[in-house]
Amino acid sequence: EHKNLVGGSAECIFKGIIKVDAEAQQTESAQIVRSLLLTKKSKVKAMPSLQIQADEVTCSHGAALTQLDPEELFYLASRGLDAANARRLMLSGFPMDLLEGLKELMPKSYARVTQK
């Protein structure tokens, strides 16, 4: 899984590939790229792809692109968060599933990443 936070006038280009050779029968693989656009000028080009030479495989690929949901921001505001903190909370939560296990393995790195 790959995640992008893209803001300003930045452009993010993702080209991912899963290659499965003919000898790699019974391979299971998945590729997903999720991108969150933070401004109207930010752009994402996502190109996940599969190159499969084997017959008996289970592989998938995909891309998802979105912006912060105004209804979710409104919900957080209705619970007492101001707009800036609601946005900050949603942005910090976006990549958290990728950081699972990092806190136990590398506590200093986890602290550095989550404090930004």
Foldseek 3Di string as FASTA:
>chain_A
DAEEEWEDLEEEEAEAEDEAAQVNAAEEEEEEYEYEYADPNYYYHYHYYYHYPHDHYHYYYYYYYYYDDPVQLVVVVVVPDDSVVSVVVVVLPVCVVVCPPVCVVPVVVVCVVSVD
